[in-house]
Every structure is written in structure tokens, then in C-alpha cells.
């Protein structure tokens, strides 16, 4: 597997951890317990920021290169589905973050409505990760040559992950602190 696919795979592992955290936060909210809205907002801000600025653009460049190959043409529907899901996921993350921000500013929403929005986002995100990991990435790995990967490496801008690599404490302090605290448990 190429270094780029390995990096995307690692991003998926990190995202799955965050989805677990978000799910646990929704469990607490639905059970009537204290819920950390700042943490959830920061988590969604990170997902939007990192996915929009780096993860999805990297996938899009790799996907475009792979799907120019004749061997990938029979899988064109998969390419189109993944591209549509990238847009849908960013929109869902943004809307859910705005929902939480609204609550923080006094907007009244039923607990079930908030939970449904969050659970739908989590479910689609998990389905998307599974689709890429189980179907798309293996196809791409077979379709692209070592030379293709080298060319892609030079085309894709590298960005440090602001939570899991080079931590941006100014923007994601609550999320970083929460992860560090719970990783040591």
C-alpha cells in the first residue's frame, strides 16, 4: 500500500475514534446527563476543517488519477458515489455543528431531534469510511503504479493533522485535552 493510502487509512482510524467520542456524547445527552457542547462543536469543526482542507482533497486527487485508468472505468459509479458523499458529509457536519452552536446560544430543540441529526451524521460517516476502506482503496491500490504514486506525492500538498499530529491548541484545545485525558485511562 502506498504512503498516501496509508495516511488516508490512518485518518480514517482517527476519525473513527472521534465518531466513537461523538456517539458517547450523544448517549450522555439522550440519557439526560451533562453534555459537553463545546467539545462536540470543536470535534465537528475539526472534522469539517481537516476533511475540507486536506483529507477529501487528497482523496479526490487520488481518485481522479485512478479513475483515468481504463481498468477503473467499470467502477465509475463508485467514484461518483464517493464524490457525492464527500459533499454530503461536509454539509451534514456543518449543519450539525450549527445546530449545537444554536443550542449554546439559547435555541430550543428537542433532545431527540439533536440526537437524530448526530446519529445520521455518524452513520453516514461510518458507511463512507467502510466503502472507501473495503471497496475503493483496494481498487485504487491495484490500479495505480509506483510511478503514479510518486507523481501523486508531488501533487498533493502535505498538511499536519491539527489534532493528531501537530496539535493546534489555539483552535482545538478541548478536543486535544479530552483525547489526551482519555487515552491515558
C-alpha atoms as a PDB file:
ATOM      1  CA  UNK A   1       0.000   0.000   0.000  1.00  0.00           C
ATOM      2  CA  UNK A   2       1.272   3.468  -0.865  1.00  0.00           C
ATOM      3  CA  UNK A   3       2.193   6.023   1.771  1.00  0.00           C
ATOM      4  CA  UNK A   4      -0.704   8.210   0.667  1.00  0.00           C
ATOM      5  CA  UNK A   5      -3.232   5.408   1.140  1.00  0.00           C
ATOM      6  CA  UNK A   6      -1.652   4.567   4.483  1.00  0.00           C
ATOM      7  CA  UNK A   7      -2.069   8.207   5.556  1.00  0.00           C
ATOM      8  CA  UNK A   8      -5.729   8.191   4.471  1.00  0.00           C
ATOM      9  CA  UNK A   9      -6.235   4.912   6.344  1.00  0.00           C
ATOM     10  CA  UNK A  10      -4.730   6.458   9.488  1.00  0.00           C
ATOM     11  CA  UNK A  11      -7.047   9.458   9.076  1.00  0.00           C
ATOM     12  CA  UNK A  12      -9.972   7.020   8.966  1.00  0.00           C
ATOM     13  CA  UNK A  13      -8.809   5.351  12.175  1.00  0.00           C
ATOM     14  CA  UNK A  14      -8.574   8.754  13.878  1.00  0.00           C
ATOM     15  CA  UNK A  15     -11.969   9.762  12.536  1.00  0.00           C
ATOM     16  CA  UNK A  16     -13.492   6.523  13.841  1.00  0.00           C
ATOM     17  CA  UNK A  17     -12.152   7.415  17.305  1.00  0.00           C
ATOM     18  CA  UNK A  18     -13.814  10.806  17.058  1.00  0.00           C
ATOM     19  CA  UNK A  19     -17.078   9.256  15.887  1.00  0.00           C
ATOM     20  CA  UNK A  20     -16.960   6.972  18.941  1.00  0.00           C
ATOM     21  CA  UNK A  21     -16.463  10.047  21.131  1.00  0.00           C
ATOM     22  CA  UNK A  22     -19.325  11.886  19.440  1.00  0.00           C
ATOM     23  CA  UNK A  23     -21.560   8.843  19.832  1.00  0.00           C
ATOM     24  CA  UNK A  24     -20.747   8.634  23.549  1.00  0.00           C
ATOM     25  CA  UNK A  25     -21.514  12.349  23.909  1.00  0.00           C
ATOM     26  CA  UNK A  26     -24.881  11.800  22.210  1.00  0.00           C
ATOM     27  CA  UNK A  27     -25.554   8.829  24.514  1.00  0.00           C
ATOM     28  CA  UNK A  28     -24.951  11.108  27.509  1.00  0.00           C
ATOM     29  CA  UNK A  29     -27.164  13.836  26.080  1.00  0.00           C
ATOM     30  CA  UNK A  30     -30.016  11.441  25.340  1.00  0.00           C
ATOM     31  CA  UNK A  31     -29.727   9.874  28.819  1.00  0.00           C
ATOM     32  CA  UNK A  32     -30.205  13.341  30.290  1.00  0.00           C
ATOM     33  CA  UNK A  33     -26.652  13.683  31.577  1.00  0.00           C
ATOM     34  CA  UNK A  34     -24.473  16.740  31.305  1.00  0.00           C
ATOM     35  CA  UNK A  35     -23.205  17.033  27.747  1.00  0.00           C
ATOM     36  CA  UNK A  36     -20.121  18.959  26.670  1.00  0.00           C
ATOM     37  CA  UNK A  37     -21.360  21.079  23.756  1.00  0.00           C
ATOM     38  CA  UNK A  38     -18.012  22.866  23.391  1.00  0.00           C
ATOM     39  CA  UNK A  39     -16.307  19.521  22.874  1.00  0.00           C
ATOM     40  CA  UNK A  40     -18.856  18.392  20.284  1.00  0.00           C
ATOM     41  CA  UNK A  41     -18.635  21.714  18.423  1.00  0.00           C
ATOM     42  CA  UNK A  42     -14.843  21.566  18.393  1.00  0.00           C
ATOM     43  CA  UNK A  43     -14.930  17.957  17.203  1.00  0.00           C
ATOM     44  CA  UNK A  44     -17.232  18.848  14.306  1.00  0.00           C
ATOM     45  CA  UNK A  45     -15.146  21.932  13.499  1.00  0.00           C
ATOM     46  CA  UNK A  46     -12.080  19.700  13.278  1.00  0.00           C
ATOM     47  CA  UNK A  47     -13.882  17.179  11.043  1.00  0.00           C
ATOM     48  CA  UNK A  48     -15.060  19.973   8.742  1.00  0.00           C
ATOM     49  CA  UNK A  49     -11.706  21.732   8.703  1.00  0.00           C
ATOM     50  CA  UNK A  50      -9.441  18.744   8.194  1.00  0.00           C
ATOM     51  CA  UNK A  51     -11.765  16.934   5.785  1.00  0.00           C
ATOM     52  CA  UNK A  52     -12.376  20.021   3.675  1.00  0.00           C
ATOM     53  CA  UNK A  53      -8.807  21.329   3.697  1.00  0.00           C
ATOM     54  CA  UNK A  54      -6.839  18.118   3.373  1.00  0.00           C
ATOM     55  CA  UNK A  55      -8.425  14.680   3.638  1.00  0.00           C
ATOM     56  CA  UNK A  56     -11.109  14.906   0.957  1.00  0.00           C
ATOM     57  CA  UNK A  57      -8.967  16.947  -1.482  1.00  0.00           C
ATOM     58  CA  UNK A  58      -6.240  14.296  -1.151  1.00  0.00           C
ATOM     59  CA  UNK A  59      -8.759  11.539  -1.818  1.00  0.00           C
ATOM     60  CA  UNK A  60     -10.227  13.493  -4.724  1.00  0.00           C
ATOM     61  CA  UNK A  61      -6.827  13.898  -6.422  1.00  0.00           C
ATOM     62  CA  UNK A  62      -6.008  10.200  -5.964  1.00  0.00           C
ATOM     63  CA  UNK A  63      -9.478   9.129  -7.111  1.00  0.00           C
ATOM     64  CA  UNK A  64      -9.284  11.300 -10.234  1.00  0.00           C
ATOM     65  CA  UNK A  65      -5.893   9.811 -11.147  1.00  0.00           C
ATOM     66  CA  UNK A  66      -7.070   6.255 -10.551  1.00  0.00           C
ATOM     67  CA  UNK A  67     -10.309   6.664 -12.457  1.00  0.00           C
ATOM     68  CA  UNK A  68      -8.471   7.918 -15.540  1.00  0.00           C
ATOM     69  CA  UNK A  69      -7.203   4.341 -15.860  1.00  0.00           C
ATOM     70  CA  UNK A  70      -9.104   2.092 -18.250  1.00  0.00           C
ATOM     71  CA  UNK A  71      -9.208  -0.666 -15.637  1.00  0.00           C
ATOM     72  CA  UNK A  72     -11.259   1.572 -13.325  1.00  0.00           C
ATOM     73  CA  UNK A  73     -13.977   2.587 -15.787  1.00  0.00           C
ATOM     74  CA  UNK A  74     -16.284  -0.231 -14.738  1.00  0.00           C
ATOM     75  CA  UNK A  75     -16.239   1.239 -11.208  1.00  0.00           C
ATOM     76  CA  UNK A  76     -17.201   4.785 -12.258  1.00  0.00           C
ATOM     77  CA  UNK A  77     -20.422   4.649 -10.190  1.00  0.00           C
ATOM     78  CA  UNK A  78     -18.307   4.067  -7.073  1.00  0.00           C
ATOM     79  CA  UNK A  79     -16.219   7.150  -7.885  1.00  0.00           C
ATOM     80  CA  UNK A  80     -19.341   9.262  -8.353  1.00  0.00           C
ATOM     81  CA  UNK A  81     -20.876   7.968  -5.115  1.00  0.00           C
ATOM     82  CA  UNK A  82     -17.754   8.743  -3.077  1.00  0.00           C
ATOM     83  CA  UNK A  83     -17.566  12.247  -4.561  1.00  0.00           C
ATOM     84  CA  UNK A  84     -21.220  12.946  -3.714  1.00  0.00           C
ATOM     85  CA  UNK A  85     -20.734  11.606  -0.188  1.00  0.00           C
ATOM     86  CA  UNK A  86     -17.767  13.930   0.407  1.00  0.00           C
ATOM     87  CA  UNK A  87     -20.020  16.919  -0.232  1.00  0.00           C
ATOM     88  CA  UNK A  88     -22.928  15.468   1.759  1.00  0.00           C
ATOM     89  CA  UNK A  89     -20.751  14.661   4.775  1.00  0.00           C
ATOM     90  CA  UNK A  90     -19.276  18.150   4.928  1.00  0.00           C
ATOM     91  CA  UNK A  91     -22.769  19.614   4.714  1.00  0.00           C
ATOM     92  CA  UNK A  92     -24.066  17.340   7.474  1.00  0.00           C
ATOM     93  CA  UNK A  93     -21.116  18.128   9.761  1.00  0.00           C
ATOM     94  CA  UNK A  94     -21.630  21.843   9.175  1.00  0.00           C
ATOM     95  CA  UNK A  95     -25.380  21.692   9.844  1.00  0.00           C
ATOM     96  CA  UNK A  96     -24.927  19.587  12.979  1.00  0.00           C
ATOM     97  CA  UNK A  97     -22.263  21.975  14.279  1.00  0.00           C
ATOM     98  CA  UNK A  98     -24.614  24.906  13.622  1.00  0.00           C
ATOM     99  CA  UNK A  99     -27.371  23.044  15.493  1.00  0.00           C
ATOM    100  CA  UNK A 100     -25.120  22.660  18.531  1.00  0.00           C
ATOM    101  CA  UNK A 101     -23.995  26.286  18.316  1.00  0.00           C
ATOM    102  CA  UNK A 102     -27.646  27.319  18.197  1.00  0.00           C
ATOM    103  CA  UNK A 103     -28.347  25.394  21.384  1.00  0.00           C
ATOM    104  CA  UNK A 104     -25.373  27.084  23.048  1.00  0.00           C
ATOM    105  CA  UNK A 105     -26.899  30.433  22.064  1.00  0.00           C
ATOM    106  CA  UNK A 106     -30.293  29.562  23.550  1.00  0.00           C
ATOM    107  CA  UNK A 107     -32.123  27.957  20.639  1.00  0.00           C
ATOM    108  CA  UNK A 108     -34.650  25.384  21.820  1.00  0.00           C
ATOM    109  CA  UNK A 109     -34.564  21.964  20.154  1.00  0.00           C
ATOM    110  CA  UNK A 110     -35.918  18.642  21.289  1.00  0.00           C
ATOM    111  CA  UNK A 111     -33.231  16.284  22.542  1.00  0.00           C
ATOM    112  CA  UNK A 112     -34.420  13.591  20.103  1.00  0.00           C
ATOM    113  CA  UNK A 113     -34.010  15.962  17.162  1.00  0.00           C
ATOM    114  CA  UNK A 114     -30.423  16.769  18.124  1.00  0.00           C
ATOM    115  CA  UNK A 115     -29.644  13.098  18.645  1.00  0.00           C
ATOM    116  CA  UNK A 116     -31.175  12.130  15.286  1.00  0.00           C
ATOM    117  CA  UNK A 117     -29.079  14.711  13.425  1.00  0.00           C
ATOM    118  CA  UNK A 118     -25.947  13.480  15.167  1.00  0.00           C
ATOM    119  CA  UNK A 119     -26.691   9.781  14.693  1.00  0.00           C
ATOM    120  CA  UNK A 120     -27.420  10.282  10.982  1.00  0.00           C
ATOM    121  CA  UNK A 121     -24.101  12.061  10.527  1.00  0.00           C
ATOM    122  CA  UNK A 122     -22.215   9.342  12.424  1.00  0.00           C
ATOM    123  CA  UNK A 123     -23.909   6.534  10.469  1.00  0.00           C
ATOM    124  CA  UNK A 124     -23.210   8.086   7.059  1.00  0.00           C
ATOM    125  CA  UNK A 125     -19.623   8.865   8.034  1.00  0.00           C
ATOM    126  CA  UNK A 126     -19.028   5.257   9.146  1.00  0.00           C
ATOM    127  CA  UNK A 127     -20.629   3.880   5.957  1.00  0.00           C
ATOM    128  CA  UNK A 128     -18.440   6.181   3.896  1.00  0.00           C
ATOM    129  CA  UNK A 129     -15.256   5.092   5.656  1.00  0.00           C
ATOM    130  CA  UNK A 130     -16.195   1.421   5.199  1.00  0.00           C
ATOM    131  CA  UNK A 131     -16.907   1.983   1.498  1.00  0.00           C
ATOM    132  CA  UNK A 132     -13.542   3.606   0.936  1.00  0.00           C
ATOM    133  CA  UNK A 133     -11.580   1.125   3.040  1.00  0.00           C
ATOM    134  CA  UNK A 134     -13.215  -2.056   1.750  1.00  0.00           C
ATOM    135  CA  UNK A 135     -14.022  -1.219  -1.864  1.00  0.00           C
ATOM    136  CA  UNK A 136     -12.339   1.925  -3.142  1.00  0.00           C
ATOM    137  CA  UNK A 137      -8.847   1.800  -1.639  1.00  0.00           C
ATOM    138  CA  UNK A 138      -8.108  -1.786  -2.745  1.00  0.00           C
ATOM    139  CA  UNK A 139      -9.173  -0.923  -6.312  1.00  0.00           C
ATOM    140  CA  UNK A 140      -7.033   2.207  -6.347  1.00  0.00           C
ATOM    141  CA  UNK A 141      -4.062   0.364  -4.883  1.00  0.00           C
ATOM    142  CA  UNK A 142      -4.239  -2.137  -7.751  1.00  0.00           C
ATOM    143  CA  UNK A 143      -4.852   0.463 -10.456  1.00  0.00           C
ATOM    144  CA  UNK A 144      -2.006   2.857  -9.696  1.00  0.00           C
ATOM    145  CA  UNK A 145       1.629   2.054 -10.362  1.00  0.00           C
ATOM    146  CA  UNK A 146       4.606   3.069  -8.276  1.00  0.00           C
ATOM    147  CA  UNK A 147       5.267   5.825 -10.806  1.00  0.00           C
ATOM    148  CA  UNK A 148       1.667   7.045 -10.451  1.00  0.00           C
ATOM    149  CA  UNK A 149       2.047   7.212  -6.669  1.00  0.00           C
ATOM    150  CA  UNK A 150       5.317   9.135  -6.956  1.00  0.00           C
ATOM    151  CA  UNK A 151       3.631  11.683  -9.229  1.00  0.00           C
ATOM    152  CA  UNK A 152       0.710  11.996  -6.819  1.00  0.00           C
ATOM    153  CA  UNK A 153       3.083  12.512  -3.873  1.00  0.00           C
ATOM    154  CA  UNK A 154       4.447  15.601  -5.598  1.00  0.00           C
ATOM    155  CA  UNK A 155       0.968  16.943  -6.439  1.00  0.00           C
ATOM    156  CA  UNK A 156      -0.661  16.630  -3.044  1.00  0.00           C
ATOM    157  CA  UNK A 157       0.079  19.352  -0.526  1.00  0.00           C
ATOM    158  CA  UNK A 158       1.060  17.952   2.843  1.00  0.00           C
ATOM    159  CA  UNK A 159      -0.725  19.248   5.908  1.00  0.00           C
ATOM    160  CA  UNK A 160      -0.172  18.297   9.512  1.00  0.00           C
ATOM    161  CA  UNK A 161      -3.242  16.998  11.297  1.00  0.00           C
ATOM    162  CA  UNK A 162      -4.128  19.758  13.815  1.00  0.00           C
ATOM    163  CA  UNK A 163      -5.358  17.291  16.453  1.00  0.00           C
ATOM    164  CA  UNK A 164      -3.446  14.035  15.999  1.00  0.00           C
ATOM    165  CA  UNK A 165      -0.090  15.233  14.657  1.00  0.00           C
ATOM    166  CA  UNK A 166       0.937  18.859  15.104  1.00  0.00           C
ATOM    167  CA  UNK A 167      -1.596  19.931  17.654  1.00  0.00           C
ATOM    168  CA  UNK A 168      -3.289  23.303  17.261  1.00  0.00           C
ATOM    169  CA  UNK A 169      -4.067  24.148  20.881  1.00  0.00           C
ATOM    170  CA  UNK A 170      -5.468  27.544  19.963  1.00  0.00           C
ATOM    171  CA  UNK A 171      -8.245  26.038  17.884  1.00  0.00           C
ATOM    172  CA  UNK A 172      -8.783  22.512  19.264  1.00  0.00           C
ATOM    173  CA  UNK A 173      -7.736  22.689  22.929  1.00  0.00           C
ATOM    174  CA  UNK A 174     -10.854  20.995  24.385  1.00  0.00           C
ATOM    175  CA  UNK A 175     -10.694  18.130  21.912  1.00  0.00           C
ATOM    176  CA  UNK A 176      -6.946  17.584  22.324  1.00  0.00           C
ATOM    177  CA  UNK A 177      -7.182  17.721  26.128  1.00  0.00           C
ATOM    178  CA  UNK A 178     -10.132  15.305  26.146  1.00  0.00           C
ATOM    179  CA  UNK A 179      -8.342  12.809  23.904  1.00  0.00           C
ATOM    180  CA  UNK A 180      -5.123  13.007  25.940  1.00  0.00           C
ATOM    181  CA  UNK A 181      -7.013  12.521  29.204  1.00  0.00           C
ATOM    182  CA  UNK A 182      -8.971   9.534  27.944  1.00  0.00           C
ATOM    183  CA  UNK A 183      -6.067   7.916  26.091  1.00  0.00           C
ATOM    184  CA  UNK A 184      -4.235   7.514  29.381  1.00  0.00           C
ATOM    185  CA  UNK A 185      -7.162   5.758  31.076  1.00  0.00           C
END
